[in-house]
Amino acid sequence: MANNSFGICKYLIVLLFIFLSAPHLSLSSLEEEEEDIHDLLPKYLLPRGVIPKNVESYTLSPSSGDFFIKLTGPYELEIGNKHSKVWYQKEIRGNIRKRVMSELSGIEVAVRYGRCPVTRIIMMPQYRQVLFDWRCCKSDLEAFSAADFEKVRLSSNRTSKTTAFMSKSVV
């Protein structure tokens, strides 16, 4: 009889051990580290550096491609040999699919007469270029070398006298 009690105790101890270990095991498998937005961009065939390093948080709907990126502040990047400037607001919204970020808000490019909102960013692999489609009074494209966006850069929080962005089109 004592031998039977000892067997039941061993059985209960094993069950208790499994019970206590199971939540830890299931939690650890659920606690996946959130993937960095810059690591997701190549999955959409876009260069990692098209978004500056200063990302505080982001959300992405895999089904629709809609995204929201929150930066630590508004920033500017100087890009390429032409020393072109791209401004990033603190909040960037848009839609992402293979080689294209569209319906963008929160990104602007420098033009001769000020800043214009970027509506799309398109990767052109055959030309090794990244195109910024901006619209002020007409649609226009600004082409940059894809090499300018291969590395994720910490953007500067230097902005012109203001961080305000153009809210209406220049006609």
N, C-alpha and C. Protein backbone atom coordinates (compact mmCIF):
# COMPACT_ATOMS: atom_id res chain seq x y z
N MET A 1 0.83 -1.19 0.00
CA MET A 1 0.00 0.00 0.00
C MET A 1 0.87 1.25 0.00
N ALA A 2 1.96 1.20 0.79
CA ALA A 2 2.86 2.35 0.85
C ALA A 2 3.52 2.56 -0.50
N ASN A 3 3.78 1.46 -1.18
CA ASN A 3 4.40 1.55 -2.49
C ASN A 3 3.48 2.25 -3.48
N ASN A 4 2.17 2.00 -3.37
CA ASN A 4 1.17 2.63 -4.23
C ASN A 4 1.09 4.14 -3.95
N SER A 5 1.17 4.53 -2.67
CA SER A 5 1.15 5.96 -2.30
C SER A 5 2.37 6.67 -2.86
N PHE A 6 3.50 5.99 -2.82
CA PHE A 6 4.73 6.59 -3.34
C PHE A 6 4.61 6.81 -4.86
N GLY A 7 3.99 5.88 -5.56
CA GLY A 7 3.78 6.00 -7.01
C GLY A 7 2.85 7.15 -7.34
N ILE A 8 1.80 7.31 -6.54
CA ILE A 8 0.86 8.41 -6.75
C ILE A 8 1.55 9.74 -6.49
N CYS A 9 2.38 9.81 -5.45
CA CYS A 9 3.12 11.05 -5.14
C CYS A 9 4.04 11.41 -6.30
N LYS A 10 4.77 10.43 -6.83
CA LYS A 10 5.65 10.70 -7.97
C LYS A 10 4.82 11.22 -9.15
N TYR A 11 3.71 10.60 -9.39
CA TYR A 11 2.83 10.98 -10.49
C TYR A 11 2.33 12.41 -10.31
N LEU A 12 1.92 12.77 -9.08
CA LEU A 12 1.43 14.12 -8.79
C LEU A 12 2.55 15.15 -8.92
N ILE A 13 3.75 14.79 -8.50
CA ILE A 13 4.89 15.71 -8.61
C ILE A 13 5.20 15.97 -10.09
N VAL A 14 5.17 14.92 -10.89
CA VAL A 14 5.41 15.09 -12.33
C VAL A 14 4.33 15.96 -12.95
N LEU A 15 3.06 15.72 -12.60
CA LEU A 15 1.97 16.54 -13.11
C LEU A 15 2.11 17.99 -12.68
N LEU A 16 2.48 18.20 -11.42
CA LEU A 16 2.68 19.56 -10.91
C LEU A 16 3.81 20.25 -11.67
N PHE A 17 4.89 19.54 -11.92
CA PHE A 17 6.01 20.09 -12.66
C PHE A 17 5.57 20.47 -14.08
N ILE A 18 4.84 19.59 -14.74
CA ILE A 18 4.35 19.87 -16.10
C ILE A 18 3.40 21.07 -16.08
N PHE A 19 2.51 21.10 -15.12
CA PHE A 19 1.55 22.20 -15.01
C PHE A 19 2.26 23.53 -14.80
N LEU A 20 3.27 23.54 -13.93
CA LEU A 20 3.99 24.79 -13.67
C LEU A 20 4.87 25.19 -14.85
N SER A 21 5.36 24.22 -15.59
CA SER A 21 6.23 24.52 -16.73
C SER A 21 5.43 24.93 -17.96
N ALA A 22 4.26 24.40 -18.13
CA ALA A 22 3.46 24.63 -19.34
C ALA A 22 3.16 26.10 -19.59
N PRO A 23 2.70 26.88 -18.59
CA PRO A 23 2.44 28.29 -18.88
C PRO A 23 3.69 29.02 -19.33
N HIS A 24 4.82 28.69 -18.71
CA HIS A 24 6.07 29.34 -19.09
C HIS A 24 6.42 29.00 -20.55
N LEU A 25 6.27 27.74 -20.91
CA LEU A 25 6.58 27.33 -22.27
C LEU A 25 5.64 27.98 -23.27
N SER A 26 4.37 28.02 -22.97
CA SER A 26 3.43 28.62 -23.92
C SER A 26 3.62 30.12 -24.01
N LEU A 27 3.95 30.77 -22.89
CA LEU A 27 4.19 32.21 -22.92
C LEU A 27 5.44 32.53 -23.71
N SER A 28 6.49 31.73 -23.53
CA SER A 28 7.73 32.04 -24.23
C SER A 28 7.55 31.88 -25.74
N SER A 29 6.72 30.96 -26.18
CA SER A 29 6.50 30.83 -27.61
C SER A 29 5.64 31.96 -28.15
N LEU A 30 4.79 32.55 -27.31
CA LEU A 30 3.96 33.67 -27.74
C LEU A 30 4.70 34.99 -27.68
N GLU A 31 5.71 35.06 -26.83
CA GLU A 31 6.43 36.32 -26.64
C GLU A 31 7.51 36.47 -27.70
N GLU A 32 7.11 36.63 -28.94
CA GLU A 32 8.06 36.85 -30.01
C GLU A 32 8.48 38.30 -29.99
N GLU A 33 9.74 38.51 -30.21
CA GLU A 33 10.25 39.87 -30.23
C GLU A 33 9.68 40.59 -31.45
N GLU A 34 9.19 41.82 -31.25
CA GLU A 34 8.60 42.58 -32.35
C GLU A 34 9.66 42.86 -33.39
N GLU A 35 9.32 42.61 -34.65
CA GLU A 35 10.25 42.82 -35.74
C GLU A 35 10.40 44.31 -36.00
N ASP A 36 11.62 44.74 -36.26
CA ASP A 36 11.91 46.14 -36.55
C ASP A 36 11.34 46.49 -37.93
N ILE A 37 10.78 47.69 -38.06
CA ILE A 37 10.19 48.12 -39.33
C ILE A 37 11.22 48.06 -40.46
N HIS A 38 12.47 48.35 -40.14
CA HIS A 38 13.52 48.35 -41.16
C HIS A 38 13.81 46.93 -41.67
N ASP A 39 13.54 45.92 -40.85
CA ASP A 39 13.70 44.53 -41.29
C ASP A 39 12.53 44.08 -42.15
N LEU A 40 11.39 44.74 -42.01
CA LEU A 40 10.22 44.40 -42.83
C LEU A 40 10.32 44.98 -44.25
N LEU A 41 10.97 46.12 -44.39
CA LEU A 41 11.01 46.80 -45.70
C LEU A 41 11.57 45.91 -46.81
N PRO A 42 12.68 45.18 -46.60
CA PRO A 42 13.18 44.31 -47.68
C PRO A 42 12.18 43.22 -48.08
N LYS A 43 11.30 42.82 -47.18
CA LYS A 43 10.28 41.83 -47.54
C LYS A 43 9.32 42.40 -48.58
N TYR A 44 9.23 43.72 -48.63
CA TYR A 44 8.41 44.41 -49.64
C TYR A 44 9.29 44.95 -50.78
N LEU A 45 10.53 44.47 -50.84
CA LEU A 45 11.49 44.86 -51.87
C LEU A 45 11.79 46.35 -51.86
N LEU A 46 11.80 46.93 -50.67
CA LEU A 46 12.16 48.33 -50.47
C LEU A 46 13.43 48.39 -49.63
N PRO A 47 14.29 49.39 -49.86
CA PRO A 47 15.51 49.48 -49.07
C PRO A 47 15.23 49.85 -47.61
N ARG A 48 16.02 49.31 -46.70
CA ARG A 48 15.84 49.51 -45.26
C ARG A 48 15.91 50.98 -44.86
N GLY A 49 16.70 51.77 -45.55
CA GLY A 49 16.94 53.15 -45.15
C GLY A 49 15.94 54.16 -45.65
N VAL A 50 14.85 53.71 -46.26
CA VAL A 50 13.85 54.67 -46.76
C VAL A 50 13.09 55.30 -45.59
N ILE A 51 13.15 54.68 -44.42
CA ILE A 51 12.60 55.23 -43.18
C ILE A 51 13.78 55.47 -42.25
N PRO A 52 13.88 56.65 -41.62
CA PRO A 52 15.02 56.90 -40.73
C PRO A 52 15.00 55.99 -39.50
N LYS A 53 16.13 55.93 -38.83
CA LYS A 53 16.31 55.03 -37.69
C LYS A 53 15.50 55.44 -36.47
N ASN A 54 15.05 56.67 -36.40
CA ASN A 54 14.41 57.23 -35.22
C ASN A 54 12.98 56.76 -35.01
N VAL A 55 12.69 55.48 -35.22
CA VAL A 55 11.33 54.95 -35.08
C VAL A 55 11.04 54.64 -33.62
N GLU A 56 9.97 55.23 -33.11
CA GLU A 56 9.53 54.98 -31.74
C GLU A 56 8.60 53.77 -31.70
N SER A 57 7.66 53.70 -32.66
CA SER A 57 6.73 52.58 -32.74
C SER A 57 6.12 52.55 -34.13
N TYR A 58 5.50 51.42 -34.45
CA TYR A 58 4.80 51.31 -35.73
C TYR A 58 3.72 50.25 -35.64
N THR A 59 2.76 50.37 -36.55
CA THR A 59 1.75 49.32 -36.73
C THR A 59 1.67 49.04 -38.23
N LEU A 60 1.42 47.79 -38.56
CA LEU A 60 1.29 47.39 -39.95
C LEU A 60 0.21 46.33 -40.04
N SER A 61 -0.74 46.54 -40.93
CA SER A 61 -1.78 45.54 -41.19
C SER A 61 -1.31 44.69 -42.36
N PRO A 62 -0.92 43.43 -42.10
CA PRO A 62 -0.43 42.59 -43.19
C PRO A 62 -1.48 42.35 -44.28
N SER A 63 -2.75 42.34 -43.92
CA SER A 63 -3.78 42.07 -44.92
C SER A 63 -4.01 43.25 -45.87
N SER A 64 -4.05 44.47 -45.34
CA SER A 64 -4.32 45.64 -46.18
C SER A 64 -3.05 46.38 -46.60
N GLY A 65 -1.97 46.24 -45.83
CA GLY A 65 -0.74 46.97 -46.11
C GLY A 65 -0.71 48.35 -45.50
N ASP A 66 -1.79 48.76 -44.82
CA ASP A 66 -1.81 50.08 -44.18
C ASP A 66 -0.82 50.10 -43.02
N PHE A 67 -0.09 51.22 -42.90
CA PHE A 67 0.88 51.32 -41.81
C PHE A 67 0.83 52.70 -41.17
N PHE A 68 1.34 52.74 -39.96
CA PHE A 68 1.50 53.98 -39.20
C PHE A 68 2.85 53.89 -38.50
N ILE A 69 3.69 54.89 -38.69
CA ILE A 69 5.01 54.92 -38.06
C ILE A 69 5.09 56.18 -37.22
N LYS A 70 5.53 56.02 -35.99
CA LYS A 70 5.74 57.17 -35.11
C LYS A 70 7.24 57.31 -34.87
N LEU A 71 7.79 58.46 -35.26
CA LEU A 71 9.20 58.75 -35.04
C LEU A 71 9.35 59.47 -33.70
N THR A 72 10.57 59.55 -33.21
CA THR A 72 10.81 60.25 -31.96
C THR A 72 10.68 61.76 -32.11
N GLY A 73 10.61 62.23 -33.34
CA GLY A 73 10.43 63.66 -33.60
C GLY A 73 10.44 63.89 -35.10
N PRO A 74 10.18 65.12 -35.54
CA PRO A 74 10.30 65.42 -36.97
C PRO A 74 11.78 65.49 -37.34
N TYR A 75 12.13 64.97 -38.51
CA TYR A 75 13.53 64.91 -38.90
C TYR A 75 13.71 65.22 -40.37
N GLU A 76 14.96 65.50 -40.73
CA GLU A 76 15.31 65.68 -42.12
C GLU A 76 16.50 64.78 -42.44
N LEU A 77 16.53 64.31 -43.68
CA LEU A 77 17.66 63.54 -44.18
C LEU A 77 18.21 64.25 -45.39
N GLU A 78 19.52 64.33 -45.48
CA GLU A 78 20.17 64.83 -46.68
C GLU A 78 20.56 63.60 -47.48
N ILE A 79 20.17 63.59 -48.74
CA ILE A 79 20.31 62.37 -49.53
C ILE A 79 21.12 62.63 -50.79
N GLY A 80 22.05 61.75 -51.06
CA GLY A 80 22.76 61.72 -52.32
C GLY A 80 23.74 62.85 -52.54
N ASN A 81 24.35 62.79 -53.73
CA ASN A 81 25.34 63.80 -54.11
C ASN A 81 24.72 65.15 -54.37
N LYS A 82 23.41 65.16 -54.65
CA LYS A 82 22.73 66.43 -54.93
C LYS A 82 22.39 67.15 -53.63
N HIS A 83 22.65 66.51 -52.50
CA HIS A 83 22.32 67.06 -51.18
C HIS A 83 20.85 67.44 -51.09
N SER A 84 20.02 66.60 -51.68
CA SER A 84 18.58 66.81 -51.59
C SER A 84 18.13 66.54 -50.17
N LYS A 85 17.05 67.17 -49.77
CA LYS A 85 16.54 66.99 -48.42
C LYS A 85 15.16 66.38 -48.44
N VAL A 86 14.96 65.44 -47.53
CA VAL A 86 13.66 64.82 -47.32
C VAL A 86 13.31 65.04 -45.86
N TRP A 87 12.10 65.53 -45.61
CA TRP A 87 11.64 65.78 -44.24
C TRP A 87 10.63 64.71 -43.84
N TYR A 88 10.79 64.24 -42.63
CA TYR A 88 9.87 63.24 -42.07
C TYR A 88 9.18 63.86 -40.87
N GLN A 89 7.86 63.91 -40.90
CA GLN A 89 7.11 64.36 -39.73
C GLN A 89 7.20 63.29 -38.66
N LYS A 90 6.73 63.64 -37.47
CA LYS A 90 6.75 62.68 -36.36
C LYS A 90 5.85 61.48 -36.65
N GLU A 91 4.79 61.66 -37.43
CA GLU A 91 3.88 60.57 -37.76
C GLU A 91 3.81 60.40 -39.28
N ILE A 92 4.00 59.16 -39.72
CA ILE A 92 3.95 58.83 -41.14
C ILE A 92 2.89 57.76 -41.33
N ARG A 93 2.04 57.96 -42.32
CA ARG A 93 0.99 56.98 -42.63
C ARG A 93 1.08 56.63 -44.11
N GLY A 94 0.57 55.46 -44.45
CA GLY A 94 0.53 55.08 -45.84
C GLY A 94 0.14 53.64 -46.02
N ASN A 95 0.44 53.15 -47.21
CA ASN A 95 0.14 51.77 -47.57
C ASN A 95 1.39 51.20 -48.22
N ILE A 96 1.69 49.94 -47.91
CA ILE A 96 2.89 49.32 -48.46
C ILE A 96 2.53 48.04 -49.19
N ARG A 97 3.17 47.87 -50.33
CA ARG A 97 3.09 46.62 -51.09
C ARG A 97 4.42 46.47 -51.82
N LYS A 98 4.58 45.43 -52.59
CA LYS A 98 5.87 45.17 -53.24
C LYS A 98 6.35 46.38 -54.02
N ARG A 99 7.53 46.87 -53.63
CA ARG A 99 8.25 47.97 -54.28
C ARG A 99 7.59 49.34 -54.18
N VAL A 100 6.48 49.48 -53.45
CA VAL A 100 5.78 50.77 -53.41
C VAL A 100 5.24 51.07 -52.01
N MET A 101 5.47 52.30 -51.58
CA MET A 101 4.77 52.87 -50.42
C MET A 101 3.90 53.97 -51.02
N SER A 102 2.59 53.89 -50.81
CA SER A 102 1.67 54.85 -51.43
C SER A 102 0.76 55.46 -50.38
N GLU A 103 -0.09 56.38 -50.85
CA GLU A 103 -1.04 57.08 -49.97
C GLU A 103 -0.31 57.68 -48.76
N LEU A 104 0.89 58.18 -49.01
CA LEU A 104 1.74 58.66 -47.92
C LEU A 104 1.30 60.01 -47.37
N SER A 105 1.48 60.16 -46.09
CA SER A 105 1.39 61.47 -45.44
C SER A 105 2.50 61.51 -44.41
N GLY A 106 3.11 62.68 -44.26
CA GLY A 106 4.16 62.84 -43.26
C GLY A 106 5.57 62.85 -43.82
N ILE A 107 5.71 62.81 -45.15
CA ILE A 107 7.04 62.88 -45.78
C ILE A 107 6.99 63.98 -46.83
N GLU A 108 8.04 64.81 -46.87
CA GLU A 108 8.13 65.88 -47.86
C GLU A 108 9.52 65.91 -48.46
N VAL A 109 9.61 66.45 -49.66
CA VAL A 109 10.87 66.58 -50.36
C VAL A 109 11.09 68.06 -50.69
N ALA A 110 12.37 68.47 -50.69
CA ALA A 110 12.70 69.86 -51.01
C ALA A 110 12.59 70.07 -52.52
N VAL A 111 11.95 71.16 -52.89
CA VAL A 111 11.88 71.58 -54.29
C VAL A 111 12.35 73.02 -54.35
N ARG A 112 12.49 73.55 -55.55
CA ARG A 112 13.02 74.91 -55.70
C ARG A 112 12.28 75.95 -54.87
N TYR A 113 11.00 75.80 -54.74
CA TYR A 113 10.19 76.83 -54.09
C TYR A 113 9.67 76.41 -52.72
N GLY A 114 10.24 75.41 -52.12
CA GLY A 114 9.80 75.01 -50.78
C GLY A 114 9.80 73.51 -50.60
N ARG A 115 8.75 73.04 -49.98
CA ARG A 115 8.59 71.61 -49.73
C ARG A 115 7.28 71.14 -50.35
N CYS A 116 7.31 69.91 -50.83
CA CYS A 116 6.10 69.31 -51.38
C CYS A 116 5.89 67.94 -50.75
N PRO A 117 4.63 67.57 -50.51
CA PRO A 117 4.37 66.26 -49.91
C PRO A 117 4.68 65.12 -50.88
N VAL A 118 5.30 64.09 -50.34
CA VAL A 118 5.59 62.87 -51.10
C VAL A 118 4.35 61.98 -51.00
N THR A 119 3.85 61.55 -52.15
CA THR A 119 2.65 60.71 -52.16
C THR A 119 2.98 59.23 -52.33
N ARG A 120 4.12 58.95 -52.99
CA ARG A 120 4.54 57.56 -53.18
C ARG A 120 6.06 57.48 -53.15
N ILE A 121 6.56 56.34 -52.70
CA ILE A 121 7.97 55.99 -52.82
C ILE A 121 8.00 54.67 -53.58
N ILE A 122 8.74 54.67 -54.68
CA ILE A 122 8.75 53.51 -55.58
C ILE A 122 10.18 53.02 -55.76
N MET A 123 10.40 51.73 -55.59
CA MET A 123 11.71 51.13 -55.84
C MET A 123 11.75 50.67 -57.29
N MET A 124 12.76 51.13 -58.02
CA MET A 124 12.95 50.75 -59.42
C MET A 124 14.24 49.92 -59.50
N PRO A 125 14.15 48.61 -59.26
CA PRO A 125 15.37 47.80 -59.17
C PRO A 125 16.17 47.76 -60.48
N GLN A 126 15.49 47.83 -61.61
CA GLN A 126 16.20 47.75 -62.88
C GLN A 126 17.13 48.96 -63.07
N TYR A 127 16.83 50.08 -62.43
CA TYR A 127 17.66 51.27 -62.52
C TYR A 127 18.43 51.53 -61.23
N ARG A 128 18.22 50.69 -60.23
CA ARG A 128 18.81 50.87 -58.90
C ARG A 128 18.49 52.27 -58.37
N GLN A 129 17.21 52.65 -58.51
CA GLN A 129 16.77 53.96 -58.05
C GLN A 129 15.54 53.84 -57.17
N VAL A 130 15.43 54.82 -56.27
CA VAL A 130 14.24 54.99 -55.45
C VAL A 130 13.60 56.29 -55.90
N LEU A 131 12.34 56.22 -56.33
CA LEU A 131 11.64 57.41 -56.81
C LEU A 131 10.71 57.95 -55.73
N PHE A 132 10.79 59.25 -55.50
CA PHE A 132 9.87 59.94 -54.60
C PHE A 132 8.89 60.69 -55.49
N ASP A 133 7.65 60.30 -55.47
CA ASP A 133 6.59 60.95 -56.26
C ASP A 133 5.99 62.04 -55.38
N TRP A 134 6.14 63.28 -55.80
CA TRP A 134 5.62 64.39 -55.00
C TRP A 134 4.69 65.23 -55.85
N ARG A 135 3.75 65.86 -55.18
CA ARG A 135 2.75 66.65 -55.89
C ARG A 135 2.59 68.00 -55.21
N CYS A 136 2.82 69.03 -55.99
CA CYS A 136 2.48 70.38 -55.53
C CYS A 136 1.49 70.93 -56.55
N CYS A 137 2.00 71.41 -57.66
CA CYS A 137 1.08 71.89 -58.69
C CYS A 137 0.94 70.86 -59.80
N LYS A 138 1.84 69.92 -59.87
CA LYS A 138 1.75 68.83 -60.83
C LYS A 138 2.50 67.65 -60.24
N SER A 139 2.29 66.51 -60.82
CA SER A 139 3.01 65.33 -60.34
C SER A 139 4.44 65.40 -60.84
N ASP A 140 5.36 65.05 -60.01
CA ASP A 140 6.76 65.06 -60.38
C ASP A 140 7.46 63.95 -59.62
N LEU A 141 8.60 63.54 -60.13
CA LEU A 141 9.37 62.48 -59.49
C LEU A 141 10.76 62.98 -59.16
N GLU A 142 11.28 62.57 -58.04
CA GLU A 142 12.66 62.84 -57.67
C GLU A 142 13.32 61.48 -57.55
N ALA A 143 14.35 61.24 -58.36
CA ALA A 143 15.03 59.94 -58.35
C ALA A 143 16.30 60.01 -57.52
N PHE A 144 16.49 59.01 -56.68
CA PHE A 144 17.69 58.89 -55.86
C PHE A 144 18.29 57.52 -56.11
N SER A 145 19.58 57.41 -55.93
CA SER A 145 20.22 56.11 -56.04
C SER A 145 19.75 55.21 -54.91
N ALA A 146 19.46 53.96 -55.21
CA ALA A 146 19.04 53.00 -54.18
C ALA A 146 20.13 52.84 -53.13
N ALA A 147 21.39 53.05 -53.52
CA ALA A 147 22.51 52.93 -52.57
C ALA A 147 22.38 53.95 -51.44
N ASP A 148 21.72 55.08 -51.71
CA ASP A 148 21.53 56.10 -50.67
C ASP A 148 20.62 55.61 -49.55
N PHE A 149 19.89 54.53 -49.78
CA PHE A 149 18.93 54.04 -48.80
C PHE A 149 19.25 52.64 -48.28
N GLU A 150 20.43 52.13 -48.61
CA GLU A 150 20.77 50.78 -48.16
C GLU A 150 20.96 50.70 -46.66
N LYS A 151 21.53 51.74 -46.07
CA LYS A 151 21.75 51.76 -44.63
C LYS A 151 20.68 52.60 -43.96
N VAL A 152 20.29 52.16 -42.77
CA VAL A 152 19.33 52.92 -41.97
C VAL A 152 20.14 53.99 -41.25
N ARG A 153 19.76 55.24 -41.45
CA ARG A 153 20.52 56.34 -40.85
C ARG A 153 19.71 57.03 -39.77
N LEU A 154 20.44 57.50 -38.80
CA LEU A 154 19.84 58.32 -37.76
C LEU A 154 19.68 59.69 -38.38
N SER A 155 18.45 60.15 -38.49
CA SER A 155 18.22 61.43 -39.15
C SER A 155 18.47 62.58 -38.20
N SER A 156 18.67 63.72 -38.78
CA SER A 156 18.94 64.92 -38.01
C SER A 156 17.62 65.57 -37.60
N ASN A 157 17.58 66.12 -36.40
CA ASN A 157 16.36 66.84 -36.04
C ASN A 157 16.50 68.32 -36.37
N ARG A 158 17.54 68.64 -37.15
CA ARG A 158 17.67 70.01 -37.66
C ARG A 158 16.59 70.22 -38.70
N THR A 159 15.84 71.24 -38.54
CA THR A 159 14.86 71.60 -39.56
C THR A 159 15.03 73.08 -39.83
N SER A 160 14.44 73.54 -40.89
CA SER A 160 14.48 74.96 -41.16
C SER A 160 13.85 75.67 -39.98
N LYS A 161 13.56 76.91 -40.07
CA LYS A 161 13.04 77.68 -38.94
C LYS A 161 11.83 77.05 -38.30
N THR A 162 11.13 76.21 -39.02
CA THR A 162 9.92 75.59 -38.48
C THR A 162 9.86 74.13 -38.88
N THR A 163 9.15 73.34 -38.11
CA THR A 163 8.94 71.94 -38.49
C THR A 163 7.57 71.77 -39.13
N ALA A 164 6.89 72.88 -39.35
CA ALA A 164 5.57 72.81 -39.98
C ALA A 164 5.74 72.39 -41.43
N PHE A 165 4.82 71.65 -41.93
CA PHE A 165 4.86 71.17 -43.30
C PHE A 165 3.82 71.93 -44.11
N MET A 166 4.06 72.02 -45.43
CA MET A 166 3.10 72.70 -46.30
C MET A 166 1.77 71.99 -46.21
N SER A 167 0.74 72.73 -45.98
CA SER A 167 -0.58 72.10 -45.85
C SER A 167 -1.42 72.28 -47.10
N LYS A 168 -0.98 73.13 -48.01
CA LYS A 168 -1.75 73.28 -49.24
C LYS A 168 -0.80 73.29 -50.43
N SER A 169 -1.30 72.98 -51.56
CA SER A 169 -0.49 72.91 -52.76
C SER A 169 -0.10 74.30 -53.22
N VAL A 170 1.07 74.39 -53.82
CA VAL A 170 1.51 75.64 -54.41
C VAL A 170 0.99 75.66 -55.84
N VAL A 171 0.30 76.71 -56.22
CA VAL A 171 -0.29 76.77 -57.55
C VAL A 171 0.39 77.82 -58.38
